[in-house]
Every structure is written in structure tokens, then in C-alpha cells.
Amino acid sequence: MIVVFHLVKRFVGSLSAAAPPVHDEVWAESFLLDGELVLWRRLGNVDRRHAIQVARRFEALGSWTRDEMAAALLHDIGKTVSQLSTLERVAATILGNRTARWREYRDHERIGLELCREAGSTSVTLAILGNEPSNAVTALRRADRI
């Protein structure tokens, strides 16, 4: 039931195309290396707002390094590859791997890890994005589900 609530909440939040507030953008960008910043700017407004919300919740769960905060901000970067609309994302989430783009969307964690590796993210950031067991991974998953 929590997963359904989370997905409904994400969907409702995605109905607005408004950019994140400037102070949130500046805050987020302060954690990103140059290559990561290029990736960050590929995210649409909806995804940047979500990433900032998750990173703020993640930050409240502990004392994290720049590398760990970068992972929180970039945790969904792989979703940019599929280029799905909000409704297509809903369909891919519910109906599964029916098309190549839906498969890319559902494989966003692996794709995002590779994008961040190519962008020059640190080993700490990559370990979190690769879901290597740690307190940071546990906290990030929690922050993303709230």
C-alpha cells in the first residue's frame, strides 16, 4: 500500500511543470561535480523537483558527504534515457517491460550508474547508486519512498 501511495503522490506532483525554486537549484548544484552537473541539467523540472525533495529528506536522515548527497540528487538520472512522458512512465511502472523504452525506464538504476561513471562521479557516489549495502543506501531508499 505504501508503494501505491508513493506512486500516486509522485504522479500528482508531476502534473506541474514548474521549475524548482532557484534557491533549491543552487543548493542541489553545490553538491555536483562538473560532469554530474551536466547530467543534472538533463533532468526535466519534474524530475529535478523530485530529486531535490528526496535529497532534502536524505539530508535530514544523517550527516552525509558531498559524494553521498550527489548520489541522492542523481538517483533517477537513468530515467532521462527513455524519454517517457508522465503517462508513459505510469504505464511502464504498471505494465512492465513491453517496449524497449519501457525497459530502459525500468532499468534506470543501472543506466544511471553508467551515466554517472562516465560523468566522473566518485567511487562513493557510484557505490550508492549501485546499491552496495550501506547506511547511505538504506537512507536513500527511505527518503525516496516517503
Protein backbone atom coordinates (compact mmCIF):
# COMPACT_ATOMS: atom_id res chain seq x y z
CA MET A 1 0.00 0.00 0.00
CA ILE A 2 2.90 2.36 0.76
CA VAL A 3 4.25 1.84 -2.77
CA VAL A 4 0.88 2.74 -4.31
CA PHE A 5 0.62 5.87 -2.15
CA HIS A 6 4.17 6.88 -3.14
CA LEU A 7 3.39 6.41 -6.85
CA VAL A 8 0.14 8.38 -6.62
CA LYS A 9 1.94 11.17 -4.77
CA ARG A 10 4.69 11.22 -7.44
CA PHE A 11 2.08 11.31 -10.22
CA VAL A 12 0.20 14.24 -8.68
CA GLY A 13 3.48 16.10 -8.19
CA SER A 14 4.41 15.50 -11.81
CA LEU A 15 1.36 17.36 -13.10
CA SER A 16 3.13 20.69 -12.58
CA ALA A 17 5.90 21.60 -15.00
CA ALA A 18 7.19 24.39 -12.74
CA ALA A 19 10.93 24.62 -12.22
CA PRO A 20 12.29 24.11 -8.71
CA PRO A 21 12.84 27.34 -6.77
CA VAL A 22 16.19 28.97 -7.60
CA HIS A 23 17.49 28.53 -4.05
CA ASP A 24 16.83 24.77 -4.32
CA GLU A 25 18.63 24.57 -7.67
CA VAL A 26 21.64 26.41 -6.23
CA TRP A 27 21.64 24.12 -3.19
CA ALA A 28 21.47 20.99 -5.35
CA GLU A 29 24.15 22.14 -7.78
CA SER A 30 26.54 22.83 -4.89
CA PHE A 31 26.88 19.05 -4.38
CA LEU A 32 27.60 18.13 -8.01
CA LEU A 33 30.89 17.73 -9.82
CA ASP A 34 31.14 19.27 -13.31
CA GLY A 35 30.21 16.05 -15.13
CA GLU A 36 27.37 15.39 -12.71
CA LEU A 37 26.09 18.91 -13.26
CA VAL A 38 25.82 18.17 -16.99
CA LEU A 39 23.69 15.13 -16.14
CA TRP A 40 21.60 17.14 -13.64
CA ARG A 41 20.72 19.66 -16.33
CA ARG A 42 19.31 16.84 -18.50
CA LEU A 43 16.57 16.28 -15.92
CA GLY A 44 13.26 17.96 -16.57
CA ASN A 45 11.67 20.21 -13.97
CA VAL A 46 9.51 17.43 -12.54
CA ASP A 47 12.49 15.13 -12.03
CA ARG A 48 14.68 17.90 -10.59
CA ARG A 49 11.95 18.82 -8.09
CA HIS A 50 11.64 15.16 -7.09
CA ALA A 51 15.42 14.76 -6.78
CA ILE A 52 15.64 17.84 -4.55
CA GLN A 53 12.81 16.58 -2.35
CA VAL A 54 14.49 13.20 -1.98
CA ALA A 55 17.89 14.78 -1.30
CA ARG A 56 16.42 17.10 1.35
CA ARG A 57 14.77 14.13 3.08
CA PHE A 58 18.01 12.14 2.74
CA GLU A 59 19.96 15.03 4.28
CA ALA A 60 17.58 15.04 7.27
CA LEU A 61 18.31 11.34 7.91
CA GLY A 62 22.01 11.75 8.63
CA SER A 63 25.23 13.63 8.15
CA TRP A 64 26.26 12.97 4.57
CA THR A 65 29.27 13.84 2.42
CA ARG A 66 29.15 15.66 -0.90
CA ASP A 67 29.52 12.30 -2.67
CA GLU A 68 26.54 10.84 -0.83
CA MET A 69 24.40 13.91 -1.50
CA ALA A 70 25.31 13.72 -5.19
CA ALA A 71 24.01 10.14 -5.26
CA ALA A 72 20.73 11.29 -3.71
CA LEU A 73 20.34 14.02 -6.31
CA LEU A 74 21.20 11.75 -9.24
CA HIS A 75 19.37 8.59 -8.11
CA ASP A 76 16.89 8.78 -11.02
CA ILE A 77 19.19 10.18 -13.72
CA GLY A 78 18.87 6.99 -15.79
CA LYS A 79 15.20 7.81 -16.42
CA THR A 80 16.27 10.54 -18.84
CA VAL A 81 17.39 7.93 -21.40
CA SER A 82 13.91 6.53 -22.03
CA GLN A 83 12.41 9.99 -22.62
CA LEU A 84 8.98 8.84 -21.43
CA SER A 85 6.18 11.24 -20.61
CA THR A 86 4.49 11.10 -17.22
CA LEU A 87 1.67 8.90 -18.51
CA GLU A 88 4.13 6.60 -20.29
CA ARG A 89 6.07 6.27 -17.02
CA VAL A 90 2.89 5.27 -15.22
CA ALA A 91 2.16 2.67 -17.89
CA ALA A 92 5.72 1.31 -17.77
CA THR A 93 5.55 1.07 -13.98
CA ILE A 94 2.24 -0.78 -14.00
CA LEU A 95 2.50 -2.87 -17.17
CA GLY A 96 6.19 -3.79 -17.20
CA ASN A 97 8.77 -4.26 -19.95
CA ARG A 98 6.54 -4.23 -23.04
CA THR A 99 8.65 -1.88 -25.18
CA ALA A 100 12.34 -1.01 -25.42
CA ARG A 101 11.73 2.43 -23.93
CA TRP A 102 9.73 0.96 -21.06
CA ARG A 103 12.58 -1.49 -20.41
CA GLU A 104 15.03 1.43 -20.34
CA TYR A 105 12.82 3.27 -17.89
CA ARG A 106 12.52 0.25 -15.60
CA ASP A 107 16.31 -0.28 -15.83
CA HIS A 108 17.03 3.34 -14.88
CA GLU A 109 19.19 2.47 -11.87
CA ARG A 110 21.74 0.51 -13.94
CA ILE A 111 21.65 3.10 -16.72
CA GLY A 112 22.06 5.95 -14.21
CA LEU A 113 25.04 4.22 -12.63
CA GLU A 114 26.73 4.00 -16.03
CA LEU A 115 25.92 7.64 -16.85
CA CYS A 116 27.44 8.75 -13.54
CA ARG A 117 30.50 6.56 -14.08
CA GLU A 118 31.02 8.20 -17.49
CA ALA A 119 30.45 11.66 -15.92
CA GLY A 120 33.28 11.13 -13.43
CA SER A 121 31.33 10.50 -10.23
CA THR A 122 33.39 9.28 -7.30
CA SER A 123 33.55 5.67 -6.12
CA VAL A 124 31.39 6.60 -3.10
CA THR A 125 28.64 8.06 -5.29
CA LEU A 126 28.82 5.07 -7.63
CA ALA A 127 28.65 2.59 -4.74
CA ILE A 128 25.42 4.18 -3.51
CA LEU A 129 23.91 4.30 -6.99
CA GLY A 130 24.96 0.67 -7.43
CA ASN A 131 23.03 -0.22 -4.26
CA GLU A 132 26.08 -1.57 -2.45
CA PRO A 133 24.85 -2.19 1.12
CA SER A 134 25.46 0.84 3.36
CA ASN A 135 23.67 3.21 5.70
CA ALA A 136 23.52 5.73 2.87
CA VAL A 137 21.74 3.30 0.52
CA THR A 138 19.22 2.42 3.23
CA ALA A 139 18.59 6.11 3.97
CA LEU A 140 18.30 7.00 0.28
CA ARG A 141 15.73 4.26 -0.30
CA ARG A 142 13.78 5.53 2.71
CA ALA A 143 13.98 9.15 1.53
CA ASP A 144 12.74 8.13 -1.92
CA ARG A 145 9.72 6.24 -0.53
CA ILE A 146 8.42 8.88 1.90
